[in-house]
C-alpha atoms as a PDB file:
ATOM      1  CA  MET A   1      89.264 135.053  75.207  1.00  0.00           C
ATOM      2  CA  SER A   2      90.289 131.516  77.196  1.00  0.00           C
ATOM      3  CA  ASP A   3      89.631 128.195  75.687  1.00  0.00           C
ATOM      4  CA  SER A   4      87.059 127.302  78.217  1.00  0.00           C
ATOM      5  CA  SER A   5      84.284 128.420  76.317  1.00  0.00           C
ATOM      6  CA  SER A   6      81.957 126.432  75.009  1.00  0.00           C
ATOM      7  CA  PHE A   7      80.408 128.676  72.553  1.00  0.00           C
ATOM      8  CA  LEU A   8      82.341 128.079  68.683  1.00  0.00           C
ATOM      9  CA  ARG A   9      82.884 131.158  66.942  1.00  0.00           C
ATOM     10  CA  ASN A  10      84.086 131.287  62.957  1.00  0.00           C
ATOM     11  CA  LEU A  11      85.906 134.740  61.893  1.00  0.00           C
ATOM     12  CA  SER A  12      86.778 134.851  58.504  1.00  0.00           C
ATOM     13  CA  ILE A  13      90.022 136.325  57.768  1.00  0.00           C
ATOM     14  CA  ASP A  14      91.643 136.618  54.367  1.00  0.00           C
ATOM     15  CA  ASN A  15      94.548 133.924  53.545  1.00  0.00           C
ATOM     16  CA  GLU A  16      97.279 135.917  54.373  1.00  0.00           C
ATOM     17  CA  SER A  17      96.378 136.927  57.836  1.00  0.00           C
ATOM     18  CA  ALA A  18      95.264 132.775  58.628  1.00  0.00           C
ATOM     19  CA  TYR A  19      99.188 131.990  57.363  1.00  0.00           C
ATOM     20  CA  MET A  20     100.428 134.362  60.412  1.00  0.00           C
ATOM     21  CA  LEU A  21      97.922 133.190  62.611  1.00  0.00           C
ATOM     22  CA  ALA A  22      98.099 129.958  62.409  1.00  0.00           C
ATOM     23  CA  MET A  23     102.456 130.297  62.439  1.00  0.00           C
ATOM     24  CA  GLU A  24     101.290 132.031  65.974  1.00  0.00           C
ATOM     25  CA  LEU A  25     100.210 128.375  67.302  1.00  0.00           C
ATOM     26  CA  GLU A  26     101.549 126.093  69.556  1.00  0.00           C
ATOM     27  CA  GLU A  27     102.629 122.201  69.044  1.00  0.00           C
ATOM     28  CA  ARG A  28     100.732 123.376  65.557  1.00  0.00           C
ATOM     29  CA  GLN A  29      99.416 120.621  63.563  1.00  0.00           C
ATOM     30  CA  GLU A  30      98.850 120.741  59.586  1.00  0.00           C
ATOM     31  CA  ASP A  31      96.827 118.583  57.299  1.00  0.00           C
ATOM     32  CA  ALA A  32      96.237 119.314  53.824  1.00  0.00           C
ATOM     33  CA  MET A  33      93.331 117.502  51.058  1.00  0.00           C
ATOM     34  CA  ASN A  34      91.828 118.846  48.411  1.00  0.00           C
ATOM     35  CA  GLY A  35      93.246 121.896  47.943  1.00  0.00           C
ATOM     36  CA  CYS A  36      92.156 123.328  51.700  1.00  0.00           C
ATOM     37  CA  THR A  37      94.956 123.415  54.767  1.00  0.00           C
ATOM     38  CA  ILE A  38      94.128 123.445  58.038  1.00  0.00           C
ATOM     39  CA  TYR A  39      96.245 124.090  61.198  1.00  0.00           C
ATOM     40  CA  SER A  40      95.309 123.318  64.795  1.00  0.00           C
ATOM     41  CA  GLY A  41      96.723 124.258  67.797  1.00  0.00           C
ATOM     42  CA  LYS A  42      96.577 126.168  70.889  1.00  0.00           C
ATOM     43  CA  HIS A  43      96.761 129.838  70.235  1.00  0.00           C
ATOM     44  CA  PRO A  44      98.489 131.937  73.070  1.00  0.00           C
ATOM     45  CA  ILE A  45      95.391 134.293  73.321  1.00  0.00           C
ATOM     46  CA  HIS A  46      92.568 132.494  71.974  1.00  0.00           C
ATOM     47  CA  GLY A  47      93.420 128.679  72.984  1.00  0.00           C
ATOM     48  CA  ASN A  48      92.934 125.913  70.911  1.00  0.00           C
ATOM     49  CA  ILE A  49      91.685 127.094  67.251  1.00  0.00           C
ATOM     50  CA  HIS A  50      91.470 125.535  63.931  1.00  0.00           C
ATOM     51  CA  VAL A  51      92.760 127.682  60.800  1.00  0.00           C
ATOM     52  CA  VAL A  52      91.020 126.588  57.220  1.00  0.00           C
ATOM     53  CA  VAL A  53      92.953 128.193  54.598  1.00  0.00           C
ATOM     54  CA  PRO A  54      91.249 126.970  50.981  1.00  0.00           C
ATOM     55  CA  ALA A  55      92.911 127.473  47.893  1.00  0.00           C
ATOM     56  CA  ILE A  56      90.388 129.891  46.764  1.00  0.00           C
ATOM     57  CA  GLY A  57      88.105 132.168  48.678  1.00  0.00           C
ATOM     58  CA  ASP A  58      88.400 133.671  52.393  1.00  0.00           C
ATOM     59  CA  ALA A  59      89.865 131.712  55.478  1.00  0.00           C
ATOM     60  CA  LYS A  60      88.344 130.734  58.351  1.00  0.00           C
ATOM     61  CA  ALA A  61      89.186 130.694  62.164  1.00  0.00           C
ATOM     62  CA  LEU A  62      87.307 128.641  64.182  1.00  0.00           C
ATOM     63  CA  LEU A  63      87.823 129.107  67.725  1.00  0.00           C
ATOM     64  CA  PRO A  64      87.871 127.929  70.609  1.00  0.00           C
ATOM     65  CA  PHE A  65      87.286 123.689  70.072  1.00  0.00           C
ATOM     66  CA  GLN A  66      87.309 121.337  73.105  1.00  0.00           C
ATOM     67  CA  THR A  67      87.733 118.074  71.045  1.00  0.00           C
ATOM     68  CA  LYS A  68      90.665 116.115  68.952  1.00  0.00           C
ATOM     69  CA  PRO A  69      92.199 117.794  66.008  1.00  0.00           C
ATOM     70  CA  VAL A  70      89.837 117.794  62.456  1.00  0.00           C
ATOM     71  CA  VAL A  71      90.218 114.419  60.898  1.00  0.00           C
ATOM     72  CA  LEU A  72      89.842 115.108  56.999  1.00  0.00           C
ATOM     73  CA  ARG A  73      87.947 112.729  54.941  1.00  0.00           C
ATOM     74  CA  SER A  74      87.883 112.103  51.214  1.00  0.00           C
ATOM     75  CA  PHE A  75      84.526 111.293  50.227  1.00  0.00           C
END
Protein backbone atom coordinates (compact mmCIF):
# COMPACT_ATOMS: atom_id res chain seq x y z
CA MET A 1 0.00 0.00 0.00
CA SER A 2 1.39 3.40 -0.86
CA ASP A 3 1.13 6.41 1.40
CA SER A 4 -0.70 8.34 -1.32
CA SER A 5 -4.09 6.81 -0.47
CA SER A 6 -6.56 9.22 1.09
CA PHE A 7 -8.46 6.49 2.95
CA LEU A 8 -7.55 6.06 6.61
CA ARG A 9 -7.61 2.47 7.77
CA ASN A 10 -7.11 1.11 11.24
CA LEU A 11 -6.05 -2.39 12.13
CA SER A 12 -6.45 -4.03 15.53
CA ILE A 13 -3.32 -5.99 16.44
CA ASP A 14 -1.90 -7.50 19.60
CA ASN A 15 0.64 -5.43 21.54
CA GLU A 16 3.61 -7.66 20.68
CA SER A 17 2.90 -7.34 16.93
CA ALA A 18 2.42 -3.60 17.38
CA TYR A 19 5.86 -3.21 18.95
CA MET A 20 7.42 -5.25 16.14
CA LEU A 21 5.65 -3.05 13.57
CA ALA A 22 6.80 0.09 15.37
CA MET A 23 10.44 -1.06 15.35
CA GLU A 24 10.28 -1.26 11.52
CA LEU A 25 9.44 2.46 11.20
CA GLU A 26 11.97 4.81 9.63
CA GLU A 27 12.42 8.16 11.41
CA ARG A 28 10.36 6.75 14.30
CA GLN A 29 8.95 9.21 16.82
CA GLU A 30 7.59 8.00 20.15
CA ASP A 31 5.10 9.84 22.36
CA ALA A 32 3.67 8.53 25.64
CA MET A 33 0.86 9.84 27.83
CA ASN A 34 -1.58 8.33 30.31
CA GLY A 35 -0.48 4.74 29.70
CA CYS A 36 -0.65 4.95 25.91
CA THR A 37 2.35 4.98 23.56
CA ILE A 38 2.12 6.23 19.98
CA TYR A 39 4.82 5.48 17.44
CA SER A 40 4.79 7.54 14.25
CA GLY A 41 6.96 7.14 11.18
CA LYS A 42 7.28 5.71 7.71
CA HIS A 43 6.90 1.97 7.24
CA PRO A 44 8.73 0.46 4.23
CA ILE A 45 5.52 -1.19 2.96
CA HIS A 46 2.58 0.76 4.41
CA GLY A 47 4.00 4.29 4.16
CA ASN A 48 3.31 6.82 6.91
CA ILE A 49 1.58 5.19 9.88
CA HIS A 50 0.81 5.63 13.57
CA VAL A 51 0.99 2.62 15.88
CA VAL A 52 -1.04 3.15 19.07
CA VAL A 53 -0.18 0.83 21.97
CA PRO A 54 -2.35 1.17 25.10
CA ALA A 55 -1.35 -0.19 28.51
CA ILE A 56 -4.50 -2.35 28.50
CA GLY A 57 -6.23 -3.78 25.45
CA ASP A 58 -5.31 -4.29 21.81
CA ALA A 59 -3.11 -1.94 19.84
CA LYS A 60 -4.16 -0.11 16.66
CA ALA A 61 -2.24 0.69 13.51
CA LEU A 62 -3.54 3.76 11.68
CA LEU A 63 -2.46 3.86 8.07
CA PRO A 64 -1.75 5.75 5.92
CA PHE A 65 -1.70 9.34 7.09
CA GLN A 66 -0.75 12.57 5.35
CA THR A 67 -0.61 14.85 8.36
CA LYS A 68 1.87 15.73 11.09
CA PRO A 69 2.49 13.20 13.88
CA VAL A 70 -0.10 13.00 16.64
CA VAL A 71 0.10 15.64 19.35
CA LEU A 72 -1.14 14.33 22.68
CA ARG A 73 -2.89 16.67 25.09
CA SER A 74 -3.96 16.06 28.64
CA PHE A 75 -7.51 17.16 29.42
